């Protein structure tokens, strides 16, 4: 399941710009493992060579998690292209993830 936390429709410049993604997870939990597998597959399938993915374990980097004011995990943040977007869940619904990230299927 995935729930967009912030949605804006001003992504006209998203195409062609590198995607900077941060995935916040809770160790090796089932949901975290699924989210990692799912986002890696989506990135390789729809953004090959056009993304940077950083996986952050909130158990290992508590200060960063506090600074981001995380409300639910796993959480994917699209930093670039702007506007920033946040998606919560195991990222298993590819269509919703693509829509949430502003990626068009070709």
PDB file of N, CA and C in Angstrom:
ATOM      1  N   UNK A   1       0.840  -1.176   0.000  1.00  0.00           N
ATOM      2  CA  UNK A   1       0.000   0.000   0.000  1.00  0.00           C
ATOM      3  C   UNK A   1       0.883   1.237   0.000  1.00  0.00           C
ATOM      4  N   UNK A   2       0.447   2.263  -0.688  1.00  0.00           N
ATOM      5  CA  UNK A   2       1.191   3.517  -0.747  1.00  0.00           C
ATOM      6  C   UNK A   2       0.231   4.668  -0.607  1.00  0.00           C
ATOM      7  N   UNK A   3       0.629   5.652   0.140  1.00  0.00           N
ATOM      8  CA  UNK A   3      -0.204   6.830   0.338  1.00  0.00           C
ATOM      9  C   UNK A   3       0.617   8.072   0.060  1.00  0.00           C
ATOM     10  N   UNK A   4       0.245   8.879  -0.937  1.00  0.00           N
ATOM     11  CA  UNK A   4       0.972  10.125  -1.147  1.00  0.00           C
ATOM     12  C   UNK A   4       0.716  11.074   0.018  1.00  0.00           C
ATOM     13  N   UNK A   5       1.779  11.638   0.561  1.00  0.00           N
ATOM     14  CA  UNK A   5       1.630  12.591   1.648  1.00  0.00           C
ATOM     15  C   UNK A   5       1.535  14.006   1.127  1.00  0.00           C
ATOM     16  N   UNK A   6       2.120  14.239  -0.036  1.00  0.00           N
ATOM     17  CA  UNK A   6       2.071  15.575  -0.614  1.00  0.00           C
ATOM     18  C   UNK A   6       1.892  15.400  -2.109  1.00  0.00           C
ATOM     19  N   UNK A   7       0.923  16.057  -2.658  1.00  0.00           N
ATOM     20  CA  UNK A   7       0.718  15.966  -4.090  1.00  0.00           C
ATOM     21  C   UNK A   7       0.594  17.354  -4.670  1.00  0.00           C
ATOM     22  N   UNK A   8       1.320  17.562  -5.727  1.00  0.00           N
ATOM     23  CA  UNK A   8       1.231  18.814  -6.465  1.00  0.00           C
ATOM     24  C   UNK A   8       1.330  18.466  -7.936  1.00  0.00           C
ATOM     25  N   UNK A   9       0.705  19.250  -8.759  1.00  0.00           N
ATOM     26  CA  UNK A   9       0.690  18.968 -10.185  1.00  0.00           C
ATOM     27  C   UNK A   9       1.574  19.925 -10.971  1.00  0.00           C
ATOM     28  N   UNK A  10       2.706  20.296 -10.411  1.00  0.00           N
ATOM     29  CA  UNK A  10       3.600  21.236 -11.089  1.00  0.00           C
ATOM     30  C   UNK A  10       4.884  20.544 -11.512  1.00  0.00           C
ATOM     31  N   UNK A  11       4.760  19.322 -12.023  1.00  0.00           N
ATOM     32  CA  UNK A  11       5.928  18.534 -12.384  1.00  0.00           C
ATOM     33  C   UNK A  11       6.286  18.639 -13.858  1.00  0.00           C
ATOM     34  N   UNK A  12       5.986  19.714 -14.500  1.00  0.00           N
ATOM     35  CA  UNK A  12       6.226  19.810 -15.931  1.00  0.00           C
ATOM     36  C   UNK A  12       7.693  19.682 -16.287  1.00  0.00           C
ATOM     37  N   UNK A  13       8.607  19.963 -15.338  1.00  0.00           N
ATOM     38  CA  UNK A  13      10.024  19.864 -15.646  1.00  0.00           C
ATOM     39  C   UNK A  13      10.628  18.542 -15.195  1.00  0.00           C
ATOM     40  N   UNK A  14       9.814  17.579 -14.754  1.00  0.00           N
ATOM     41  CA  UNK A  14      10.335  16.326 -14.219  1.00  0.00           C
ATOM     42  C   UNK A  14      11.020  15.479 -15.281  1.00  0.00           C
ATOM     43  N   UNK A  15      10.523  15.499 -16.493  1.00  0.00           N
ATOM     44  CA  UNK A  15      11.091  14.667 -17.540  1.00  0.00           C
ATOM     45  C   UNK A  15      12.500  15.121 -17.889  1.00  0.00           C
ATOM     46  N   UNK A  16      13.431  14.166 -17.936  1.00  0.00           N
ATOM     47  CA  UNK A  16      14.782  14.471 -18.361  1.00  0.00           C
ATOM     48  C   UNK A  16      15.708  14.948 -17.260  1.00  0.00           C
ATOM     49  N   UNK A  17      15.196  15.265 -16.096  1.00  0.00           N
ATOM     50  CA  UNK A  17      16.037  15.692 -14.988  1.00  0.00           C
ATOM     51  C   UNK A  17      16.307  14.492 -14.094  1.00  0.00           C
ATOM     52  N   UNK A  18      17.509  14.418 -13.527  1.00  0.00           N
ATOM     53  CA  UNK A  18      17.801  13.275 -12.660  1.00  0.00           C
ATOM     54  C   UNK A  18      16.919  13.284 -11.412  1.00  0.00           C
ATOM     55  N   UNK A  19      16.505  12.106 -11.023  1.00  0.00           N
ATOM     56  CA  UNK A  19      15.691  11.945  -9.826  1.00  0.00           C
ATOM     57  C   UNK A  19      16.612  11.678  -8.644  1.00  0.00           C
ATOM     58  N   UNK A  20      16.411  12.406  -7.572  1.00  0.00           N
ATOM     59  CA  UNK A  20      17.138  12.176  -6.329  1.00  0.00           C
ATOM     60  C   UNK A  20      16.114  11.663  -5.330  1.00  0.00           C
ATOM     61  N   UNK A  21      16.309  10.422  -4.906  1.00  0.00           N
ATOM     62  CA  UNK A  21      15.349   9.741  -4.048  1.00  0.00           C
ATOM     63  C   UNK A  21      16.011   9.300  -2.748  1.00  0.00           C
ATOM     64  N   UNK A  22      15.301   9.478  -1.645  1.00  0.00           N
ATOM     65  CA  UNK A  22      15.746   8.999  -0.337  1.00  0.00           C
ATOM     66  C   UNK A  22      14.665   8.079   0.208  1.00  0.00           C
ATOM     67  N   UNK A  23      15.063   6.862   0.536  1.00  0.00           N
ATOM     68  CA  UNK A  23      14.132   5.890   1.097  1.00  0.00           C
ATOM     69  C   UNK A  23      14.497   5.652   2.558  1.00  0.00           C
ATOM     70  N   UNK A  24      13.581   5.985   3.448  1.00  0.00           N
ATOM     71  CA  UNK A  24      13.777   5.789   4.882  1.00  0.00           C
ATOM     72  C   UNK A  24      13.112   4.483   5.286  1.00  0.00           C
ATOM     73  N   UNK A  25      13.880   3.602   5.938  1.00  0.00           N
ATOM     74  CA  UNK A  25      13.387   2.285   6.324  1.00  0.00           C
ATOM     75  C   UNK A  25      13.710   2.014   7.791  1.00  0.00           C
ATOM     76  N   UNK A  26      13.085   0.961   8.317  1.00  0.00           N
ATOM     77  CA  UNK A  26      13.326   0.540   9.699  1.00  0.00           C
ATOM     78  C   UNK A  26      14.039  -0.802   9.696  1.00  0.00           C
ATOM     79  N   UNK A  27      15.348  -0.757   9.571  1.00  0.00           N
ATOM     80  CA  UNK A  27      16.140  -1.976   9.595  1.00  0.00           C
ATOM     81  C   UNK A  27      15.758  -2.931   8.483  1.00  0.00           C
ATOM     82  N   UNK A  28      15.724  -4.219   8.833  1.00  0.00           N
ATOM     83  CA  UNK A  28      15.438  -5.259   7.842  1.00  0.00           C
ATOM     84  C   UNK A  28      14.028  -5.813   8.004  1.00  0.00           C
ATOM     85  N   UNK A  29      13.087  -4.967   8.390  1.00  0.00           N
ATOM     86  CA  UNK A  29      11.701  -5.415   8.542  1.00  0.00           C
ATOM     87  C   UNK A  29      11.140  -5.844   7.188  1.00  0.00           C
ATOM     88  N   UNK A  30      10.067  -6.591   7.221  1.00  0.00           N
ATOM     89  CA  UNK A  30       9.443  -7.074   5.991  1.00  0.00           C
ATOM     90  C   UNK A  30       9.026  -5.913   5.087  1.00  0.00           C
ATOM     91  N   UNK A  31       8.384  -4.897   5.650  1.00  0.00           N
ATOM     92  CA  UNK A  31       7.946  -3.752   4.843  1.00  0.00           C
ATOM     93  C   UNK A  31       9.140  -2.996   4.262  1.00  0.00           C
ATOM     94  N   UNK A  32      10.199  -2.861   5.041  1.00  0.00           N
ATOM     95  CA  UNK A  32      11.392  -2.166   4.559  1.00  0.00           C
ATOM     96  C   UNK A  32      12.040  -2.928   3.412  1.00  0.00           C
ATOM     97  N   UNK A  33      12.167  -4.239   3.573  1.00  0.00           N
ATOM     98  CA  UNK A  33      12.772  -5.069   2.534  1.00  0.00           C
ATOM     99  C   UNK A  33      11.958  -5.000   1.248  1.00  0.00           C
ATOM    100  N   UNK A  34      10.646  -5.063   1.362  1.00  0.00           N
ATOM    101  CA  UNK A  34       9.782  -4.949   0.178  1.00  0.00           C
ATOM    102  C   UNK A  34       9.939  -3.591  -0.490  1.00  0.00           C
ATOM    103  N   UNK A  35       9.950  -2.535   0.318  1.00  0.00           N
ATOM    104  CA  UNK A  35      10.079  -1.183  -0.241  1.00  0.00           C
ATOM    105  C   UNK A  35      11.392  -1.034  -0.999  1.00  0.00           C
ATOM    106  N   UNK A  36      12.479  -1.552  -0.441  1.00  0.00           N
ATOM    107  CA  UNK A  36      13.786  -1.464  -1.100  1.00  0.00           C
ATOM    108  C   UNK A  36      13.757  -2.204  -2.430  1.00  0.00           C
ATOM    109  N   UNK A  37      13.263  -3.435  -2.405  1.00  0.00           N
ATOM    110  CA  UNK A  37      13.184  -4.237  -3.635  1.00  0.00           C
ATOM    111  C   UNK A  37      12.307  -3.550  -4.676  1.00  0.00           C
ATOM    112  N   UNK A  38      11.153  -3.069  -4.256  1.00  0.00           N
ATOM    113  CA  UNK A  38      10.210  -2.450  -5.191  1.00  0.00           C
ATOM    114  C   UNK A  38      10.760  -1.169  -5.803  1.00  0.00           C
ATOM    115  N   UNK A  39      11.351  -0.283  -5.002  1.00  0.00           N
ATOM    116  CA  UNK A  39      11.828   0.984  -5.564  1.00  0.00           C
ATOM    117  C   UNK A  39      13.041   0.752  -6.459  1.00  0.00           C
ATOM    118  N   UNK A  40      13.893  -0.201  -6.122  1.00  0.00           N
ATOM    119  CA  UNK A  40      15.029  -0.507  -7.005  1.00  0.00           C
ATOM    120  C   UNK A  40      14.529  -1.001  -8.360  1.00  0.00           C
ATOM    121  N   UNK A  41      13.523  -1.866  -8.335  1.00  0.00           N
ATOM    122  CA  UNK A  41      12.961  -2.380  -9.590  1.00  0.00           C
ATOM    123  C   UNK A  41      12.330  -1.251 -10.406  1.00  0.00           C
ATOM    124  N   UNK A  42      11.570  -0.398  -9.760  1.00  0.00           N
ATOM    125  CA  UNK A  42      10.925   0.721 -10.457  1.00  0.00           C
ATOM    126  C   UNK A  42      11.973   1.655 -11.051  1.00  0.00           C
ATOM    127  N   UNK A  43      12.997   1.977 -10.277  1.00  0.00           N
ATOM    128  CA  UNK A  43      14.043   2.883 -10.778  1.00  0.00           C
ATOM    129  C   UNK A  43      14.772   2.285 -11.977  1.00  0.00           C
ATOM    130  N   UNK A  44      15.136   1.010 -11.886  1.00  0.00           N
ATOM    131  CA  UNK A  44      15.848   0.377 -12.998  1.00  0.00           C
ATOM    132  C   UNK A  44      14.961   0.230 -14.232  1.00  0.00           C
ATOM    133  N   UNK A  45      13.671   0.035 -14.023  1.00  0.00           N
ATOM    134  CA  UNK A  45      12.752  -0.140 -15.148  1.00  0.00           C
ATOM    135  C   UNK A  45      12.351   1.171 -15.810  1.00  0.00           C
ATOM    136  N   UNK A  46      12.161   2.233 -15.015  1.00  0.00           N
ATOM    137  CA  UNK A  46      11.595   3.474 -15.545  1.00  0.00           C
ATOM    138  C   UNK A  46      12.548   4.663 -15.531  1.00  0.00           C
ATOM    139  N   UNK A  47      13.657   4.566 -14.794  1.00  0.00           N
ATOM    140  CA  UNK A  47      14.614   5.678 -14.709  1.00  0.00           C
ATOM    141  C   UNK A  47      16.056   5.202 -14.890  1.00  0.00           C
ATOM    142  N   UNK A  48      16.314   4.259 -15.783  1.00  0.00           N
ATOM    143  CA  UNK A  48      17.676   3.717 -15.858  1.00  0.00           C
ATOM    144  C   UNK A  48      18.707   4.813 -16.134  1.00  0.00           C
ATOM    145  N   UNK A  49      19.714   4.882 -15.263  1.00  0.00           N
ATOM    146  CA  UNK A  49      20.778   5.865 -15.431  1.00  0.00           C
ATOM    147  C   UNK A  49      20.371   7.292 -15.127  1.00  0.00           C
ATOM    148  N   UNK A  50      19.157   7.500 -14.636  1.00  0.00           N
ATOM    149  CA  UNK A  50      18.654   8.858 -14.423  1.00  0.00           C
ATOM    150  C   UNK A  50      18.165   9.065 -12.985  1.00  0.00           C
ATOM    151  N   UNK A  51      18.804   8.369 -12.038  1.00  0.00           N
ATOM    152  CA  UNK A  51      18.360   8.515 -10.652  1.00  0.00           C
ATOM    153  C   UNK A  51      19.508   8.256  -9.680  1.00  0.00           C
ATOM    154  N   UNK A  52      19.326   8.784  -8.487  1.00  0.00           N
ATOM    155  CA  UNK A  52      20.205   8.508  -7.357  1.00  0.00           C
ATOM    156  C   UNK A  52      19.295   8.077  -6.218  1.00  0.00           C
ATOM    157  N   UNK A  53      19.551   6.906  -5.659  1.00  0.00           N
ATOM    158  CA  UNK A  53      18.722   6.368  -4.583  1.00  0.00           C
ATOM    159  C   UNK A  53      19.581   6.169  -3.347  1.00  0.00           C
ATOM    160  N   UNK A  54      19.208   6.823  -2.259  1.00  0.00           N
ATOM    161  CA  UNK A  54      19.890   6.639  -0.983  1.00  0.00           C
ATOM    162  C   UNK A  54      18.917   5.961  -0.030  1.00  0.00           C
ATOM    163  N   UNK A  55      19.363   4.862   0.570  1.00  0.00           N
ATOM    164  CA  UNK A  55      18.535   4.129   1.519  1.00  0.00           C
ATOM    165  C   UNK A  55      19.045   4.446   2.920  1.00  0.00           C
ATOM    166  N   UNK A  56      18.158   4.954   3.757  1.00  0.00           N
ATOM    167  CA  UNK A  56      18.529   5.402   5.097  1.00  0.00           C
ATOM    168  C   UNK A  56      17.787   4.570   6.129  1.00  0.00           C
ATOM    169  N   UNK A  57      18.541   3.861   6.965  1.00  0.00           N
ATOM    170  CA  UNK A  57      17.970   3.087   8.059  1.00  0.00           C
ATOM    171  C   UNK A  57      17.837   4.018   9.260  1.00  0.00           C
ATOM    172  N   UNK A  58      16.610   4.278   9.673  1.00  0.00           N
ATOM    173  CA  UNK A  58      16.393   5.233  10.762  1.00  0.00           C
ATOM    174  C   UNK A  58      16.936   4.727  12.097  1.00  0.00           C
ATOM    175  N   UNK A  59      17.138   3.419  12.227  1.00  0.00           N
ATOM    176  CA  UNK A  59      17.763   2.899  13.443  1.00  0.00           C
ATOM    177  C   UNK A  59      19.240   3.281  13.494  1.00  0.00           C
ATOM    178  N   UNK A  60      19.870   3.390  12.337  1.00  0.00           N
ATOM    179  CA  UNK A  60      21.288   3.739  12.264  1.00  0.00           C
ATOM    180  C   UNK A  60      21.516   5.246  12.243  1.00  0.00           C
ATOM    181  N   UNK A  61      20.554   6.000  11.727  1.00  0.00           N
ATOM    182  CA  UNK A  61      20.710   7.450  11.575  1.00  0.00           C
ATOM    183  C   UNK A  61      19.520   8.175  12.212  1.00  0.00           C
ATOM    184  N   UNK A  62      19.435   8.089  13.515  1.00  0.00           N
ATOM    185  CA  UNK A  62      18.291   8.651  14.247  1.00  0.00           C
ATOM    186  C   UNK A  62      18.192  10.166  14.113  1.00  0.00           C
ATOM    187  N   UNK A  63      19.326  10.855  14.119  1.00  0.00           N
ATOM    188  CA  UNK A  63      19.300  12.321  14.019  1.00  0.00           C
ATOM    189  C   UNK A  63      18.701  12.759  12.687  1.00  0.00           C
ATOM    190  N   UNK A  64      19.074  12.067  11.619  1.00  0.00           N
ATOM    191  CA  UNK A  64      18.536  12.394  10.300  1.00  0.00           C
ATOM    192  C   UNK A  64      17.033  12.137  10.266  1.00  0.00           C
ATOM    193  N   UNK A  65      16.609  11.055  10.857  1.00  0.00           N
ATOM    194  CA  UNK A  65      15.177  10.737  10.904  1.00  0.00           C
ATOM    195  C   UNK A  65      14.411  11.813  11.669  1.00  0.00           C
ATOM    196  N   UNK A  66      14.967  12.285  12.762  1.00  0.00           N
ATOM    197  CA  UNK A  66      14.306  13.346  13.534  1.00  0.00           C
ATOM    198  C   UNK A  66      14.235  14.638  12.739  1.00  0.00           C
ATOM    199  N   UNK A  67      15.306  14.965  12.050  1.00  0.00           N
ATOM    200  CA  UNK A  67      15.341  16.201  11.263  1.00  0.00           C
ATOM    201  C   UNK A  67      14.294  16.183  10.152  1.00  0.00           C
ATOM    202  N   UNK A  68      14.053  15.022   9.581  1.00  0.00           N
ATOM    203  CA  UNK A  68      13.083  14.888   8.484  1.00  0.00           C
ATOM    204  C   UNK A  68      11.646  14.858   8.984  1.00  0.00           C
ATOM    205  N   UNK A  69      11.449  14.757  10.281  1.00  0.00           N
ATOM    206  CA  UNK A  69      10.117  14.699  10.881  1.00  0.00           C
ATOM    207  C   UNK A  69       9.259  13.603  10.236  1.00  0.00           C
ATOM    208  N   UNK A  70       9.787  12.408  10.256  1.00  0.00           N
ATOM    209  CA  UNK A  70       9.111  11.266   9.653  1.00  0.00           C
ATOM    210  C   UNK A  70       7.877  10.898  10.462  1.00  0.00           C
ATOM    211  N   UNK A  71       6.793  10.601   9.762  1.00  0.00           N
ATOM    212  CA  UNK A  71       5.557  10.236  10.453  1.00  0.00           C
ATOM    213  C   UNK A  71       5.169   8.779  10.244  1.00  0.00           C
ATOM    214  N   UNK A  72       5.705   8.150   9.212  1.00  0.00           N
ATOM    215  CA  UNK A  72       5.409   6.750   8.933  1.00  0.00           C
ATOM    216  C   UNK A  72       6.543   6.192   8.081  1.00  0.00           C
ATOM    217  N   UNK A  73       6.766   4.882   8.208  1.00  0.00           N
ATOM    218  CA  UNK A  73       7.841   4.242   7.456  1.00  0.00           C
ATOM    219  C   UNK A  73       7.330   2.941   6.868  1.00  0.00           C
ATOM    220  N   UNK A  74       7.907   2.467   5.775  1.00  0.00           N
ATOM    221  CA  UNK A  74       8.925   3.106   4.949  1.00  0.00           C
ATOM    222  C   UNK A  74       8.389   4.366   4.269  1.00  0.00           C
ATOM    223  N   UNK A  75       9.308   5.297   4.030  1.00  0.00           N
ATOM    224  CA  UNK A  75       8.964   6.576   3.420  1.00  0.00           C
ATOM    225  C   UNK A  75       9.949   6.883   2.304  1.00  0.00           C
ATOM    226  N   UNK A  76       9.428   7.151   1.118  1.00  0.00           N
ATOM    227  CA  UNK A  76      10.254   7.557  -0.016  1.00  0.00           C
ATOM    228  C   UNK A  76      10.058   9.045  -0.238  1.00  0.00           C
ATOM    229  N   UNK A  77      11.171   9.779  -0.293  1.00  0.00           N
ATOM    230  CA  UNK A  77      11.113  11.208  -0.575  1.00  0.00           C
ATOM    231  C   UNK A  77      11.787  11.454  -1.917  1.00  0.00           C
ATOM    232  N   UNK A  78      11.051  12.084  -2.816  1.00  0.00           N
ATOM    233  CA  UNK A  78      11.647  12.527  -4.079  1.00  0.00           C
ATOM    234  C   UNK A  78      12.117  13.956  -3.838  1.00  0.00           C
ATOM    235  N   UNK A  79      13.433  14.138  -3.767  1.00  0.00           N
ATOM    236  CA  UNK A  79      14.015  15.461  -3.540  1.00  0.00           C
ATOM    237  C   UNK A  79      14.034  16.288  -4.821  1.00  0.00           C
ATOM    238  N   UNK A  80      14.403  15.643  -5.898  1.00  0.00           N
ATOM    239  CA  UNK A  80      14.472  16.307  -7.196  1.00  0.00           C
ATOM    240  C   UNK A  80      13.857  15.374  -8.210  1.00  0.00           C
ATOM    241  N   UNK A  81      13.228  15.859  -9.227  1.00  0.00           N
ATOM    242  CA  UNK A  81      12.959  17.266  -9.489  1.00  0.00           C
ATOM    243  C   UNK A  81      11.898  17.800  -8.525  1.00  0.00           C
ATOM    244  N   UNK A  82      11.932  19.087  -8.339  1.00  0.00           N
ATOM    245  CA  UNK A  82      10.963  19.755  -7.475  1.00  0.00           C
ATOM    246  C   UNK A  82       9.583  19.737  -8.118  1.00  0.00           C
ATOM    247  N   UNK A  83       8.515  19.773  -7.386  1.00  0.00           N
ATOM    248  CA  UNK A  83       8.425  19.886  -5.937  1.00  0.00           C
ATOM    249  C   UNK A  83       8.727  18.550  -5.272  1.00  0.00           C
ATOM    250  N   UNK A  84       9.165  18.612  -4.028  1.00  0.00           N
ATOM    251  CA  UNK A  84       9.429  17.410  -3.260  1.00  0.00           C
ATOM    252  C   UNK A  84       8.129  16.640  -3.072  1.00  0.00           C
ATOM    253  N   UNK A  85       8.265  15.319  -3.121  1.00  0.00           N
ATOM    254  CA  UNK A  85       7.104  14.453  -2.894  1.00  0.00           C
ATOM    255  C   UNK A  85       7.465  13.387  -1.885  1.00  0.00           C
ATOM    256  N   UNK A  86       6.481  12.952  -1.113  1.00  0.00           N
ATOM    257  CA  UNK A  86       6.671  11.910  -0.109  1.00  0.00           C
ATOM    258  C   UNK A  86       5.634  10.813  -0.321  1.00  0.00           C
ATOM    259  N   UNK A  87       6.120   9.562  -0.315  1.00  0.00           N
ATOM    260  CA  UNK A  87       5.258   8.398  -0.487  1.00  0.00           C
ATOM    261  C   UNK A  87       5.505   7.435   0.665  1.00  0.00           C
ATOM    262  N   UNK A  88       4.436   6.944   1.267  1.00  0.00           N
ATOM    263  CA  UNK A  88       4.538   6.032   2.401  1.00  0.00           C
ATOM    264  C   UNK A  88       4.050   4.653   1.993  1.00  0.00           C
ATOM    265  N   UNK A  89       4.746   3.622   2.444  1.00  0.00           N
ATOM    266  CA  UNK A  89       4.302   2.256   2.220  1.00  0.00           C
ATOM    267  C   UNK A  89       5.400   1.399   1.638  1.00  0.00           C
ATOM    268  N   UNK A  90       5.044   0.166   1.264  1.00  0.00           N
ATOM    269  CA  UNK A  90       6.052  -0.753   0.740  1.00  0.00           C
ATOM    270  C   UNK A  90       6.284  -0.582  -0.763  1.00  0.00           C
ATOM    271  N   UNK A  91       5.621   0.401  -1.365  1.00  0.00           N
ATOM    272  CA  UNK A  91       5.830   0.772  -2.773  1.00  0.00           C
ATOM    273  C   UNK A  91       5.514  -0.373  -3.728  1.00  0.00           C
ATOM    274  N   UNK A  92       4.571  -1.233  -3.348  1.00  0.00           N
ATOM    275  CA  UNK A  92       4.253  -2.404  -4.162  1.00  0.00           C
ATOM    276  C   UNK A  92       3.320  -2.110  -5.330  1.00  0.00           C
ATOM    277  N   UNK A  93       2.610  -1.013  -5.303  1.00  0.00           N
ATOM    278  CA  UNK A  93       1.711  -0.656  -6.401  1.00  0.00           C
ATOM    279  C   UNK A  93       2.469   0.250  -7.371  1.00  0.00           C
ATOM    280  N   UNK A  94       3.013  -0.348  -8.408  1.00  0.00           N
ATOM    281  CA  UNK A  94       3.876   0.376  -9.348  1.00  0.00           C
ATOM    282  C   UNK A  94       3.189   1.591  -9.942  1.00  0.00           C
ATOM    283  N   UNK A  95       1.925   1.451 -10.330  1.00  0.00           N
ATOM    284  CA  UNK A  95       1.209   2.582 -10.931  1.00  0.00           C
ATOM    285  C   UNK A  95       1.127   3.763  -9.973  1.00  0.00           C
ATOM    286  N   UNK A  96       0.811   3.491  -8.715  1.00  0.00           N
ATOM    287  CA  UNK A  96       0.712   4.572  -7.735  1.00  0.00           C
ATOM    288  C   UNK A  96       2.070   5.199  -7.456  1.00  0.00           C
ATOM    289  N   UNK A  97       3.120   4.394  -7.435  1.00  0.00           N
ATOM    290  CA  UNK A  97       4.465   4.938  -7.225  1.00  0.00           C
ATOM    291  C   UNK A  97       4.853   5.826  -8.399  1.00  0.00           C
ATOM    292  N   UNK A  98       4.636   5.351  -9.613  1.00  0.00           N
ATOM    293  CA  UNK A  98       4.960   6.157 -10.795  1.00  0.00           C
ATOM    294  C   UNK A  98       4.184   7.465 -10.779  1.00  0.00           C
ATOM    295  N   UNK A  99       2.906   7.388 -10.477  1.00  0.00           N
ATOM    296  CA  UNK A  99       2.080   8.592 -10.401  1.00  0.00           C
ATOM    297  C   UNK A  99       2.581   9.524  -9.299  1.00  0.00           C
ATOM    298  N   UNK A 100       2.878   8.959  -8.140  1.00  0.00           N
ATOM    299  CA  UNK A 100       3.364   9.752  -7.022  1.00  0.00           C
ATOM    300  C   UNK A 100       4.692  10.433  -7.297  1.00  0.00           C
ATOM    301  N   UNK A 101       5.531   9.788  -8.100  1.00  0.00           N
ATOM    302  CA  UNK A 101       6.830  10.364  -8.447  1.00  0.00           C
ATOM    303  C   UNK A 101       6.757  11.266  -9.673  1.00  0.00           C
ATOM    304  N   UNK A 102       5.612  11.275 -10.336  1.00  0.00           N
ATOM    305  CA  UNK A 102       5.470  12.104 -11.530  1.00  0.00           C
ATOM    306  C   UNK A 102       6.144  11.508 -12.748  1.00  0.00           C
ATOM    307  N   UNK A 103       6.172  10.172 -12.827  1.00  0.00           N
ATOM    308  CA  UNK A 103       6.819   9.473 -13.934  1.00  0.00           C
ATOM    309  C   UNK A 103       5.746   8.942 -14.871  1.00  0.00           C
ATOM    310  N   UNK A 104       5.893   9.235 -16.145  1.00  0.00           N
ATOM    311  CA  UNK A 104       4.943   8.755 -17.148  1.00  0.00           C
ATOM    312  C   UNK A 104       5.411   7.418 -17.694  1.00  0.00           C
ATOM    313  N   UNK A 105       4.478   6.495 -17.852  1.00  0.00           N
ATOM    314  CA  UNK A 105       4.799   5.237 -18.539  1.00  0.00           C
ATOM    315  C   UNK A 105       4.886   5.510 -20.013  1.00  0.00           C
ATOM    316  N   UNK A 106       5.885   4.934 -20.640  1.00  0.00           N
ATOM    317  CA  UNK A 106       6.024   5.113 -22.093  1.00  0.00           C
ATOM    318  C   UNK A 106       5.539   3.907 -22.824  1.00  0.00           C
TER     319      UNK A 106
END
